[in-house]
Amino acid sequence: MNLPLEITDLRKTYRGGTVEAVKGMTFSVKPGEIFGLLGPNGAGKTTIISTITTLEKPTSGTVKVFGVDVCTDPMFTKKQIGVVHQEVITSGFFDVEEILTFHSGYYGLRKNKERIHFLLEKLSLYEHRHKKVKQLSGGMKRRLMIAKALVHNPKLLLLDEPTAGVDIRLREDLWKFVQELRGEGMSILLTTHYLEEAQQLCDRVGIINLGSLVVLGDTKAIIREYTHKKIRVLLTEKHLIQSEYLTEVDGKEYSFVVPQNKTLGEFLNEVHIPTGLIADVQIEEGSLEDAFLKLVAKKESQVSL
């Protein structure tokens, strides 16, 4: 079975080969998963998406959508994918329904009213379908972009910073809709700077920096491997504790930094705290943001050497 997206040793250079934006990138998106492509500004995310959507040609390597090379058959690629770009539609003299009708025509869909109305209802735009784009709020424009990306019922959806600059309620509504799409079998590639959202949504992530893939894997596994949990223990009285995990003592409160995969029971056994002295325990789990910052900093320090 062909993967929705398969990128192999992708390289992209500019300025006669003097600037290497993407350096041998290899990853894939599996059927029915949300894959997060994460990295700081300038990491290479936009270049990768531009290559997938055929706006850019690879210098070397391959990009395949459902087994077909995007350079060999760009029309096949465009029919299989939907794209929501960072830039929001800001002007236009056509109304919402007209825009979706015209966009359907790009894919040869002349009778697509049922699909259009379904998306308008789903994205709370039906009552605004006869409004011009310039009359829409920022949130409505963002929803219109999503409707455009889905109007031809693609199998692979690319979301490039879809919630940048939008309010919390719209973000929550969008992610709920994205999870519904995933539940229906759609495969999704997401780029976002909201790492807390990526942690909740993404089955797997690829963290990139300076054009290279830093780490690739299951989201939870990456958090376990590259982060620590913080444990604060409040005792009923002061107690001598000798532990490599101990970072701070404030009166009867003891702070520890512990490997993410260590259970609370294992930790308490190792530090030899009598259970009768424990008044309270607070645990702060490691996060995807913690792993991201650690891995990005490590990559940058390696390059600077």
C-alpha atoms as a PDB file:
ATOM      1  CA  MET A   1       0.000   0.000   0.000  1.00  0.00           C
ATOM      2  CA  ASN A   2       1.362   3.407  -1.017  1.00  0.00           C
ATOM      3  CA  LEU A   3       1.952   5.956   1.725  1.00  0.00           C
ATOM      4  CA  PRO A   4       0.075   9.276   1.543  1.00  0.00           C
ATOM      5  CA  LEU A   5       3.418  11.093   1.610  1.00  0.00           C
ATOM      6  CA  GLU A   6       6.928   9.714   1.276  1.00  0.00           C
ATOM      7  CA  ILE A   7       9.969  11.998   1.209  1.00  0.00           C
ATOM      8  CA  THR A   8      13.362  10.414   0.558  1.00  0.00           C
ATOM      9  CA  ASP A   9      16.733  12.195   0.840  1.00  0.00           C
ATOM     10  CA  LEU A  10      15.187  15.522  -0.178  1.00  0.00           C
ATOM     11  CA  ARG A  11      17.665  18.307  -0.860  1.00  0.00           C
ATOM     12  CA  LYS A  12      16.951  21.849  -1.988  1.00  0.00           C
ATOM     13  CA  THR A  13      19.587  24.466  -2.704  1.00  0.00           C
ATOM     14  CA  TYR A  14      19.402  28.078  -3.838  1.00  0.00           C
ATOM     15  CA  ARG A  15      21.820  30.662  -5.233  1.00  0.00           C
ATOM     16  CA  GLY A  16      23.683  28.238  -7.419  1.00  0.00           C
ATOM     17  CA  GLY A  17      24.013  25.649  -4.696  1.00  0.00           C
ATOM     18  CA  THR A  18      25.551  27.972  -2.103  1.00  0.00           C
ATOM     19  CA  VAL A  19      22.490  27.950   0.188  1.00  0.00           C
ATOM     20  CA  GLU A  20      21.188  24.527   1.240  1.00  0.00           C
ATOM     21  CA  ALA A  21      17.657  24.966   2.613  1.00  0.00           C
ATOM     22  CA  VAL A  22      16.886  21.245   2.975  1.00  0.00           C
ATOM     23  CA  LYS A  23      19.656  18.736   3.636  1.00  0.00           C
ATOM     24  CA  GLY A  24      18.795  15.129   2.907  1.00  0.00           C
ATOM     25  CA  MET A  25      15.364  15.018   4.552  1.00  0.00           C
ATOM     26  CA  THR A  26      13.619  11.634   4.826  1.00  0.00           C
ATOM     27  CA  PHE A  27      10.222  11.046   6.451  1.00  0.00           C
ATOM     28  CA  SER A  28       6.713   9.859   5.617  1.00  0.00           C
ATOM     29  CA  VAL A  29       3.104  10.412   6.600  1.00  0.00           C
ATOM     30  CA  LYS A  30       1.147   7.247   7.314  1.00  0.00           C
ATOM     31  CA  PRO A  31      -2.506   6.617   6.411  1.00  0.00           C
ATOM     32  CA  GLY A  32      -4.935   8.254   8.829  1.00  0.00           C
ATOM     33  CA  GLU A  33      -2.346   9.966  11.014  1.00  0.00           C
ATOM     34  CA  ILE A  34      -1.611  13.542  12.011  1.00  0.00           C
ATOM     35  CA  PHE A  35       2.087  14.175  11.481  1.00  0.00           C
ATOM     36  CA  GLY A  36       3.672  17.306  12.919  1.00  0.00           C
ATOM     37  CA  LEU A  37       6.542  18.945  11.035  1.00  0.00           C
ATOM     38  CA  LEU A  38       8.033  21.206  13.681  1.00  0.00           C
ATOM     39  CA  GLY A  39      10.928  23.623  13.655  1.00  0.00           C
ATOM     40  CA  PRO A  40      11.941  27.227  14.319  1.00  0.00           C
ATOM     41  CA  ASN A  41      11.650  29.908  11.660  1.00  0.00           C
ATOM     42  CA  GLY A  42      14.053  29.217   8.811  1.00  0.00           C
ATOM     43  CA  ALA A  43      14.278  25.501   9.584  1.00  0.00           C
ATOM     44  CA  GLY A  44      13.074  24.484   6.104  1.00  0.00           C
ATOM     45  CA  LYS A  45       9.368  23.769   6.694  1.00  0.00           C
ATOM     46  CA  THR A  46       8.069  26.163   4.028  1.00  0.00           C
ATOM     47  CA  THR A  47      10.535  24.820   1.460  1.00  0.00           C
ATOM     48  CA  ILE A  48       9.404  21.259   2.153  1.00  0.00           C
ATOM     49  CA  ILE A  49       5.728  22.159   1.789  1.00  0.00           C
ATOM     50  CA  SER A  50       6.462  24.104  -1.406  1.00  0.00           C
ATOM     51  CA  THR A  51       8.154  20.998  -2.783  1.00  0.00           C
ATOM     52  CA  ILE A  52       5.236  18.743  -1.850  1.00  0.00           C
ATOM     53  CA  THR A  53       2.784  21.114  -3.552  1.00  0.00           C
ATOM     54  CA  THR A  54       5.009  21.329  -6.682  1.00  0.00           C
ATOM     55  CA  LEU A  55       5.712  25.055  -6.229  1.00  0.00           C
ATOM     56  CA  GLU A  56       9.390  24.140  -5.891  1.00  0.00           C
ATOM     57  CA  LYS A  57      11.389  21.375  -7.554  1.00  0.00           C
ATOM     58  CA  PRO A  58      13.808  19.290  -5.496  1.00  0.00           C
ATOM     59  CA  THR A  59      17.496  19.707  -6.206  1.00  0.00           C
ATOM     60  CA  SER A  60      17.729  15.974  -5.530  1.00  0.00           C
ATOM     61  CA  GLY A  61      15.776  13.256  -3.773  1.00  0.00           C
ATOM     62  CA  THR A  62      12.130  12.324  -4.240  1.00  0.00           C
ATOM     63  CA  VAL A  63       8.735  13.392  -2.963  1.00  0.00           C
ATOM     64  CA  LYS A  64       5.910  10.931  -3.571  1.00  0.00           C
ATOM     65  CA  VAL A  65       2.197  11.363  -2.900  1.00  0.00           C
ATOM     66  CA  PHE A  66       0.376   8.017  -2.811  1.00  0.00           C
ATOM     67  CA  GLY A  67       3.287   6.426  -4.642  1.00  0.00           C
ATOM     68  CA  VAL A  68       3.502   8.979  -7.468  1.00  0.00           C
ATOM     69  CA  ASP A  69       6.479  11.322  -7.815  1.00  0.00           C
ATOM     70  CA  VAL A  70       5.202  14.907  -7.565  1.00  0.00           C
ATOM     71  CA  CYS A  71       7.585  16.001 -10.329  1.00  0.00           C
ATOM     72  CA  THR A  72       6.470  13.238 -12.679  1.00  0.00           C
ATOM     73  CA  ASP A  73       2.724  13.860 -12.328  1.00  0.00           C
ATOM     74  CA  PRO A  74       1.996  17.211 -10.619  1.00  0.00           C
ATOM     75  CA  MET A  75      -1.690  17.124 -11.609  1.00  0.00           C
ATOM     76  CA  PHE A  76      -2.186  13.847  -9.760  1.00  0.00           C
ATOM     77  CA  THR A  77      -0.549  15.414  -6.713  1.00  0.00           C
ATOM     78  CA  LYS A  78      -2.784  18.480  -6.774  1.00  0.00           C
ATOM     79  CA  LYS A  79      -5.904  16.321  -6.912  1.00  0.00           C
ATOM     80  CA  GLN A  80      -4.806  14.253  -3.919  1.00  0.00           C
ATOM     81  CA  ILE A  81      -3.805  17.071  -1.563  1.00  0.00           C
ATOM     82  CA  GLY A  82      -5.485  20.072   0.028  1.00  0.00           C
ATOM     83  CA  VAL A  83      -3.379  22.945   1.330  1.00  0.00           C
ATOM     84  CA  VAL A  84      -4.076  25.617   3.935  1.00  0.00           C
ATOM     85  CA  HIS A  85      -1.303  28.207   3.699  1.00  0.00           C
ATOM     86  CA  GLN A  86      -0.204  30.656   6.386  1.00  0.00           C
ATOM     87  CA  GLU A  87      -1.388  33.676   4.426  1.00  0.00           C
ATOM     88  CA  VAL A  88      -5.054  34.540   4.927  1.00  0.00           C
ATOM     89  CA  ILE A  89      -7.248  35.658   2.020  1.00  0.00           C
ATOM     90  CA  THR A  90      -7.537  39.418   2.484  1.00  0.00           C
ATOM     91  CA  SER A  91      -9.495  40.670  -0.517  1.00  0.00           C
ATOM     92  CA  GLY A  92     -11.872  39.554  -3.202  1.00  0.00           C
ATOM     93  CA  PHE A  93     -15.038  40.618  -4.961  1.00  0.00           C
ATOM     94  CA  PHE A  94     -16.666  37.182  -5.083  1.00  0.00           C
ATOM     95  CA  ASP A  95     -18.787  35.794  -2.290  1.00  0.00           C
ATOM     96  CA  VAL A  96     -17.924  32.725  -0.241  1.00  0.00           C
ATOM     97  CA  GLU A  97     -20.009  30.219  -2.198  1.00  0.00           C
ATOM     98  CA  GLU A  98     -18.804  31.577  -5.545  1.00  0.00           C
ATOM     99  CA  ILE A  99     -15.179  31.162  -4.481  1.00  0.00           C
ATOM    100  CA  LEU A 100     -15.747  27.539  -3.519  1.00  0.00           C
ATOM    101  CA  THR A 101     -17.630  26.907  -6.762  1.00  0.00           C
ATOM    102  CA  PHE A 102     -14.791  28.383  -8.834  1.00  0.00           C
ATOM    103  CA  HIS A 103     -12.243  26.406  -6.830  1.00  0.00           C
ATOM    104  CA  SER A 104     -14.207  23.204  -7.471  1.00  0.00           C
ATOM    105  CA  GLY A 105     -13.873  23.933 -11.170  1.00  0.00           C
ATOM    106  CA  TYR A 106     -10.085  23.737 -10.913  1.00  0.00           C
ATOM    107  CA  TYR A 107     -10.550  20.036 -10.198  1.00  0.00           C
ATOM    108  CA  GLY A 108     -13.175  19.472 -12.872  1.00  0.00           C
ATOM    109  CA  LEU A 109     -16.010  19.378 -10.322  1.00  0.00           C
ATOM    110  CA  ARG A 110     -18.874  21.197 -12.019  1.00  0.00           C
ATOM    111  CA  LYS A 111     -21.596  19.799  -9.772  1.00  0.00           C
ATOM    112  CA  ASN A 112     -20.169  20.142  -6.299  1.00  0.00           C
ATOM    113  CA  LYS A 113     -22.894  22.053  -4.468  1.00  0.00           C
ATOM    114  CA  GLU A 114     -23.595  19.277  -1.972  1.00  0.00           C
ATOM    115  CA  ARG A 115     -19.929  19.125  -0.928  1.00  0.00           C
ATOM    116  CA  ILE A 116     -19.702  22.928  -0.737  1.00  0.00           C
ATOM    117  CA  HIS A 117     -22.786  23.218   1.452  1.00  0.00           C
ATOM    118  CA  PHE A 118     -21.534  20.406   3.690  1.00  0.00           C
ATOM    119  CA  LEU A 119     -18.263  22.274   4.278  1.00  0.00           C
ATOM    120  CA  LEU A 120     -20.041  25.590   4.818  1.00  0.00           C
ATOM    121  CA  GLU A 121     -22.227  23.990   7.468  1.00  0.00           C
ATOM    122  CA  LYS A 122     -19.318  22.169   9.079  1.00  0.00           C
ATOM    123  CA  LEU A 123     -17.206  25.327   9.276  1.00  0.00           C
ATOM    124  CA  SER A 124     -20.082  27.598  10.401  1.00  0.00           C
ATOM    125  CA  LEU A 125     -19.988  29.598   7.166  1.00  0.00           C
ATOM    126  CA  TYR A 126     -23.351  28.673   5.668  1.00  0.00           C
ATOM    127  CA  GLU A 127     -25.089  31.814   6.925  1.00  0.00           C
ATOM    128  CA  HIS A 128     -22.258  33.889   5.458  1.00  0.00           C
ATOM    129  CA  ARG A 129     -22.111  32.137   2.068  1.00  0.00           C
ATOM    130  CA  HIS A 130     -23.285  35.228   0.152  1.00  0.00           C
ATOM    131  CA  LYS A 131     -20.846  37.632   1.811  1.00  0.00           C
ATOM    132  CA  LYS A 132     -17.862  39.000  -0.088  1.00  0.00           C
ATOM    133  CA  VAL A 133     -14.455  38.005   1.254  1.00  0.00           C
ATOM    134  CA  LYS A 134     -13.710  41.580   2.291  1.00  0.00           C
ATOM    135  CA  GLN A 135     -16.784  41.465   4.556  1.00  0.00           C
ATOM    136  CA  LEU A 136     -15.536  38.452   6.510  1.00  0.00           C
ATOM    137  CA  SER A 137     -13.763  38.527   9.855  1.00  0.00           C
ATOM    138  CA  GLY A 138     -10.261  37.095  10.164  1.00  0.00           C
ATOM    139  CA  GLY A 139     -11.617  33.882  11.640  1.00  0.00           C
ATOM    140  CA  MET A 140     -14.142  33.465   8.823  1.00  0.00           C
ATOM    141  CA  LYS A 141     -11.407  33.994   6.223  1.00  0.00           C
ATOM    142  CA  ARG A 142      -9.347  31.281   7.875  1.00  0.00           C
ATOM    143  CA  ARG A 143     -12.331  28.899   7.782  1.00  0.00           C
ATOM    144  CA  LEU A 144     -12.886  29.745   4.118  1.00  0.00           C
ATOM    145  CA  MET A 145      -9.292  28.748   3.380  1.00  0.00           C
ATOM    146  CA  ILE A 146      -9.916  25.400   5.036  1.00  0.00           C
ATOM    147  CA  ALA A 147     -13.099  24.910   3.004  1.00  0.00           C
ATOM    148  CA  LYS A 148     -11.142  25.677  -0.186  1.00  0.00           C
ATOM    149  CA  ALA A 149      -8.534  23.091   0.748  1.00  0.00           C
ATOM    150  CA  LEU A 150     -11.222  20.437   1.274  1.00  0.00           C
ATOM    151  CA  VAL A 151     -13.620  21.264  -1.543  1.00  0.00           C
ATOM    152  CA  HIS A 152     -12.329  18.424  -3.769  1.00  0.00           C
ATOM    153  CA  ASN A 153     -12.284  15.909  -0.878  1.00  0.00           C
ATOM    154  CA  PRO A 154      -8.509  15.308  -0.839  1.00  0.00           C
ATOM    155  CA  LYS A 155      -6.865  12.332   0.859  1.00  0.00           C
ATOM    156  CA  LEU A 156      -3.910  14.314   2.233  1.00  0.00           C
ATOM    157  CA  LEU A 157      -4.268  17.678   3.968  1.00  0.00           C
ATOM    158  CA  LEU A 158      -1.348  20.065   4.501  1.00  0.00           C
ATOM    159  CA  LEU A 159      -1.912  22.596   7.285  1.00  0.00           C
ATOM    160  CA  ASP A 160       0.801  25.266   7.324  1.00  0.00           C
ATOM    161  CA  GLU A 161       0.389  27.270  10.552  1.00  0.00           C
ATOM    162  CA  PRO A 162      -3.435  27.122  10.252  1.00  0.00           C
ATOM    163  CA  THR A 163      -4.108  28.800  13.610  1.00  0.00           C
ATOM    164  CA  ALA A 164      -1.527  31.588  13.454  1.00  0.00           C
ATOM    165  CA  GLY A 165      -3.097  34.798  14.722  1.00  0.00           C
ATOM    166  CA  VAL A 166      -6.565  33.377  15.426  1.00  0.00           C
ATOM    167  CA  ASP A 167      -8.453  33.349  18.716  1.00  0.00           C
ATOM    168  CA  ILE A 168      -8.596  30.410  21.115  1.00  0.00           C
ATOM    169  CA  ARG A 169     -12.195  29.444  20.301  1.00  0.00           C
ATOM    170  CA  LEU A 170     -11.509  29.180  16.572  1.00  0.00           C
ATOM    171  CA  ARG A 171      -8.378  27.161  17.259  1.00  0.00           C
ATOM    172  CA  GLU A 172     -10.357  24.708  19.388  1.00  0.00           C
ATOM    173  CA  ASP A 173     -13.064  24.408  16.706  1.00  0.00           C
ATOM    174  CA  LEU A 174     -10.454  23.862  14.002  1.00  0.00           C
ATOM    175  CA  TRP A 175      -8.627  21.134  15.908  1.00  0.00           C
ATOM    176  CA  LYS A 176     -11.901  19.373  16.658  1.00  0.00           C
ATOM    177  CA  PHE A 177     -12.664  19.381  12.929  1.00  0.00           C
ATOM    178  CA  VAL A 178      -9.145  18.160  12.097  1.00  0.00           C
ATOM    179  CA  GLN A 179      -9.573  15.229  14.480  1.00  0.00           C
ATOM    180  CA  GLU A 180     -12.880  14.391  12.797  1.00  0.00           C
ATOM    181  CA  LEU A 181     -11.110  14.372   9.419  1.00  0.00           C
ATOM    182  CA  ARG A 182      -8.443  12.061  10.792  1.00  0.00           C
ATOM    183  CA  GLY A 183     -11.196   9.822  12.164  1.00  0.00           C
ATOM    184  CA  GLU A 184     -12.614   9.579   8.648  1.00  0.00           C
ATOM    185  CA  GLY A 185      -9.250   8.347   7.347  1.00  0.00           C
ATOM    186  CA  MET A 186      -7.658  11.546   6.092  1.00  0.00           C
ATOM    187  CA  SER A 187      -3.893  11.920   6.503  1.00  0.00           C
ATOM    188  CA  ILE A 188      -2.679  15.288   7.769  1.00  0.00           C
ATOM    189  CA  LEU A 189       0.673  17.076   7.760  1.00  0.00           C
ATOM    190  CA  LEU A 190       0.716  19.942  10.241  1.00  0.00           C
ATOM    191  CA  THR A 191       3.196  22.728  10.878  1.00  0.00           C
ATOM    192  CA  THR A 192       2.615  24.881  13.940  1.00  0.00           C
ATOM    193  CA  HIS A 193       4.457  26.946  16.543  1.00  0.00           C
ATOM    194  CA  TYR A 194       1.829  25.985  19.144  1.00  0.00           C
ATOM    195  CA  LEU A 195       3.705  22.997  20.543  1.00  0.00           C
ATOM    196  CA  GLU A 196       1.117  22.255  23.217  1.00  0.00           C
ATOM    197  CA  GLU A 197      -1.436  21.730  20.436  1.00  0.00           C
ATOM    198  CA  ALA A 198       1.006  19.596  18.469  1.00  0.00           C
ATOM    199  CA  GLN A 199       1.528  17.412  21.539  1.00  0.00           C
ATOM    200  CA  GLN A 200      -2.220  16.842  21.872  1.00  0.00           C
ATOM    201  CA  LEU A 201      -2.911  16.301  18.167  1.00  0.00           C
ATOM    202  CA  CYS A 202       0.050  14.631  16.499  1.00  0.00           C
ATOM    203  CA  ASP A 203       0.562  10.876  16.407  1.00  0.00           C
ATOM    204  CA  ARG A 204       4.155  11.407  15.282  1.00  0.00           C
ATOM    205  CA  VAL A 205       6.396  14.424  14.818  1.00  0.00           C
ATOM    206  CA  GLY A 206       9.534  15.316  12.942  1.00  0.00           C
ATOM    207  CA  ILE A 207      11.573  18.112  14.520  1.00  0.00           C
ATOM    208  CA  ILE A 208      13.789  19.903  12.014  1.00  0.00           C
ATOM    209  CA  ASN A 209      16.350  22.679  12.265  1.00  0.00           C
ATOM    210  CA  LEU A 210      18.785  24.307   9.862  1.00  0.00           C
ATOM    211  CA  GLY A 211      17.461  22.159   7.022  1.00  0.00           C
ATOM    212  CA  SER A 212      18.068  18.817   8.748  1.00  0.00           C
ATOM    213  CA  LEU A 213      15.865  16.303  10.520  1.00  0.00           C
ATOM    214  CA  VAL A 214      16.820  16.344  14.203  1.00  0.00           C
ATOM    215  CA  VAL A 215      14.460  13.650  15.472  1.00  0.00           C
ATOM    216  CA  LEU A 216      11.551  11.632  14.097  1.00  0.00           C
ATOM    217  CA  GLY A 217       9.153   9.444  16.018  1.00  0.00           C
ATOM    218  CA  ASP A 218       6.071   8.868  18.123  1.00  0.00           C
ATOM    219  CA  THR A 219       5.189  12.062  19.997  1.00  0.00           C
ATOM    220  CA  LYS A 220       4.927  10.402  23.400  1.00  0.00           C
ATOM    221  CA  ALA A 221       8.140   8.434  22.849  1.00  0.00           C
ATOM    222  CA  ILE A 222      10.075  11.607  22.038  1.00  0.00           C
ATOM    223  CA  ILE A 223       8.796  13.267  25.208  1.00  0.00           C
ATOM    224  CA  ARG A 224       9.820  10.226  27.273  1.00  0.00           C
ATOM    225  CA  GLU A 225      13.299  10.076  25.760  1.00  0.00           C
ATOM    226  CA  TYR A 226      14.271  13.737  25.678  1.00  0.00           C
ATOM    227  CA  THR A 227      12.602  15.313  28.715  1.00  0.00           C
ATOM    228  CA  HIS A 228      12.512  15.045  32.498  1.00  0.00           C
ATOM    229  CA  LYS A 229       9.670  15.420  34.965  1.00  0.00           C
ATOM    230  CA  LYS A 230       9.816  17.797  37.914  1.00  0.00           C
ATOM    231  CA  ILE A 231       8.675  16.437  41.268  1.00  0.00           C
ATOM    232  CA  ARG A 232       8.092  18.575  44.340  1.00  0.00           C
ATOM    233  CA  VAL A 233       7.687  16.775  47.665  1.00  0.00           C
ATOM    234  CA  LEU A 234       6.377  18.568  50.757  1.00  0.00           C
ATOM    235  CA  LEU A 235       7.265  16.851  54.035  1.00  0.00           C
ATOM    236  CA  THR A 236       5.781  17.256  57.490  1.00  0.00           C
ATOM    237  CA  GLU A 237       9.281  17.838  58.848  1.00  0.00           C
ATOM    238  CA  LYS A 238      12.795  18.316  57.493  1.00  0.00           C
ATOM    239  CA  HIS A 239      14.576  15.158  56.420  1.00  0.00           C
ATOM    240  CA  LEU A 240      18.087  14.457  55.119  1.00  0.00           C
ATOM    241  CA  ILE A 241      17.804  13.412  51.470  1.00  0.00           C
ATOM    242  CA  GLN A 242      20.796  12.453  49.352  1.00  0.00           C
ATOM    243  CA  SER A 243      19.831  11.986  45.705  1.00  0.00           C
ATOM    244  CA  GLU A 244      21.263  12.811  42.296  1.00  0.00           C
ATOM    245  CA  TYR A 245      17.762  14.033  41.363  1.00  0.00           C
ATOM    246  CA  LEU A 246      17.576  16.648  44.144  1.00  0.00           C
ATOM    247  CA  THR A 247      17.848  20.204  42.763  1.00  0.00           C
ATOM    248  CA  GLU A 248      16.516  22.464  45.512  1.00  0.00           C
ATOM    249  CA  VAL A 249      15.502  22.464  49.168  1.00  0.00           C
ATOM    250  CA  ASP A 250      13.180  25.185  50.478  1.00  0.00           C
ATOM    251  CA  GLY A 251      12.292  24.481  54.083  1.00  0.00           C
ATOM    252  CA  LYS A 252      10.248  21.298  54.050  1.00  0.00           C
ATOM    253  CA  GLU A 253       9.790  21.361  50.251  1.00  0.00           C
ATOM    254  CA  TYR A 254      12.178  19.306  48.124  1.00  0.00           C
ATOM    255  CA  SER A 255      12.453  19.669  44.328  1.00  0.00           C
ATOM    256  CA  PHE A 256      13.721  16.936  42.030  1.00  0.00           C
ATOM    257  CA  VAL A 257      14.339  16.519  38.294  1.00  0.00           C
ATOM    258  CA  VAL A 258      13.666  12.909  37.346  1.00  0.00           C
ATOM    259  CA  PRO A 259      13.845  10.900  34.075  1.00  0.00           C
ATOM    260  CA  GLN A 260      10.478  10.940  32.323  1.00  0.00           C
ATOM    261  CA  ASN A 261      10.194   7.149  32.245  1.00  0.00           C
ATOM    262  CA  LYS A 262      10.657   6.724  36.008  1.00  0.00           C
ATOM    263  CA  THR A 263       7.440   6.084  37.936  1.00  0.00           C
ATOM    264  CA  LEU A 264       6.582   7.893  41.161  1.00  0.00           C
ATOM    265  CA  GLY A 265       6.868   4.638  43.100  1.00  0.00           C
ATOM    266  CA  GLU A 266      10.347   3.939  41.717  1.00  0.00           C
ATOM    267  CA  PHE A 267      11.423   7.487  42.512  1.00  0.00           C
ATOM    268  CA  LEU A 268      10.185   7.383  46.124  1.00  0.00           C
ATOM    269  CA  ASN A 269      11.908   4.043  46.695  1.00  0.00           C
ATOM    270  CA  GLU A 270      15.199   5.418  45.394  1.00  0.00           C
ATOM    271  CA  VAL A 271      15.214   8.620  47.471  1.00  0.00           C
ATOM    272  CA  HIS A 272      14.252   6.738  50.664  1.00  0.00           C
ATOM    273  CA  ILE A 273      11.616   9.174  51.928  1.00  0.00           C
ATOM    274  CA  PRO A 274       9.468   7.633  54.663  1.00  0.00           C
ATOM    275  CA  THR A 275       5.877   7.688  53.421  1.00  0.00           C
ATOM    276  CA  GLY A 276       4.699   8.903  56.818  1.00  0.00           C
ATOM    277  CA  LEU A 277       6.608  12.175  56.278  1.00  0.00           C
ATOM    278  CA  ILE A 278       5.022  12.961  52.912  1.00  0.00           C
ATOM    279  CA  ALA A 279       2.388  15.703  53.124  1.00  0.00           C
ATOM    280  CA  ASP A 280       2.030  16.381  49.381  1.00  0.00           C
ATOM    281  CA  VAL A 281       3.553  15.444  46.018  1.00  0.00           C
ATOM    282  CA  GLN A 282       3.298  17.565  42.861  1.00  0.00           C
ATOM    283  CA  ILE A 283       4.432  16.291  39.474  1.00  0.00           C
ATOM    284  CA  GLU A 284       5.090  18.410  36.383  1.00  0.00           C
ATOM    285  CA  GLU A 285       5.458  16.155  33.357  1.00  0.00           C
ATOM    286  CA  GLY A 286       7.874  16.895  30.528  1.00  0.00           C
ATOM    287  CA  SER A 287       6.352  18.330  27.362  1.00  0.00           C
ATOM    288  CA  LEU A 288       6.925  18.349  23.629  1.00  0.00           C
ATOM    289  CA  GLU A 289       8.037  21.962  23.991  1.00  0.00           C
ATOM    290  CA  ASP A 290      10.745  20.864  26.447  1.00  0.00           C
ATOM    291  CA  ALA A 291      11.975  18.232  23.989  1.00  0.00           C
ATOM    292  CA  PHE A 292      11.787  20.679  21.078  1.00  0.00           C
ATOM    293  CA  LEU A 293      13.861  23.354  22.825  1.00  0.00           C
ATOM    294  CA  LYS A 294      16.454  20.815  23.943  1.00  0.00           C
ATOM    295  CA  LEU A 295      16.843  19.215  20.518  1.00  0.00           C
ATOM    296  CA  VAL A 296      16.908  22.488  18.579  1.00  0.00           C
ATOM    297  CA  ALA A 297      19.533  23.943  20.921  1.00  0.00           C
ATOM    298  CA  LYS A 298      21.630  20.774  20.607  1.00  0.00           C
ATOM    299  CA  LYS A 299      21.529  20.956  16.802  1.00  0.00           C
ATOM    300  CA  GLU A 300      22.545  24.617  16.800  1.00  0.00           C
ATOM    301  CA  SER A 301      25.442  23.969  19.186  1.00  0.00           C
ATOM    302  CA  GLN A 302      26.692  21.142  16.948  1.00  0.00           C
ATOM    303  CA  VAL A 303      26.633  23.400  13.888  1.00  0.00           C
ATOM    304  CA  SER A 304      28.463  26.219  15.687  1.00  0.00           C
ATOM    305  CA  LEU A 305      31.374  23.947  16.661  1.00  0.00           C
END
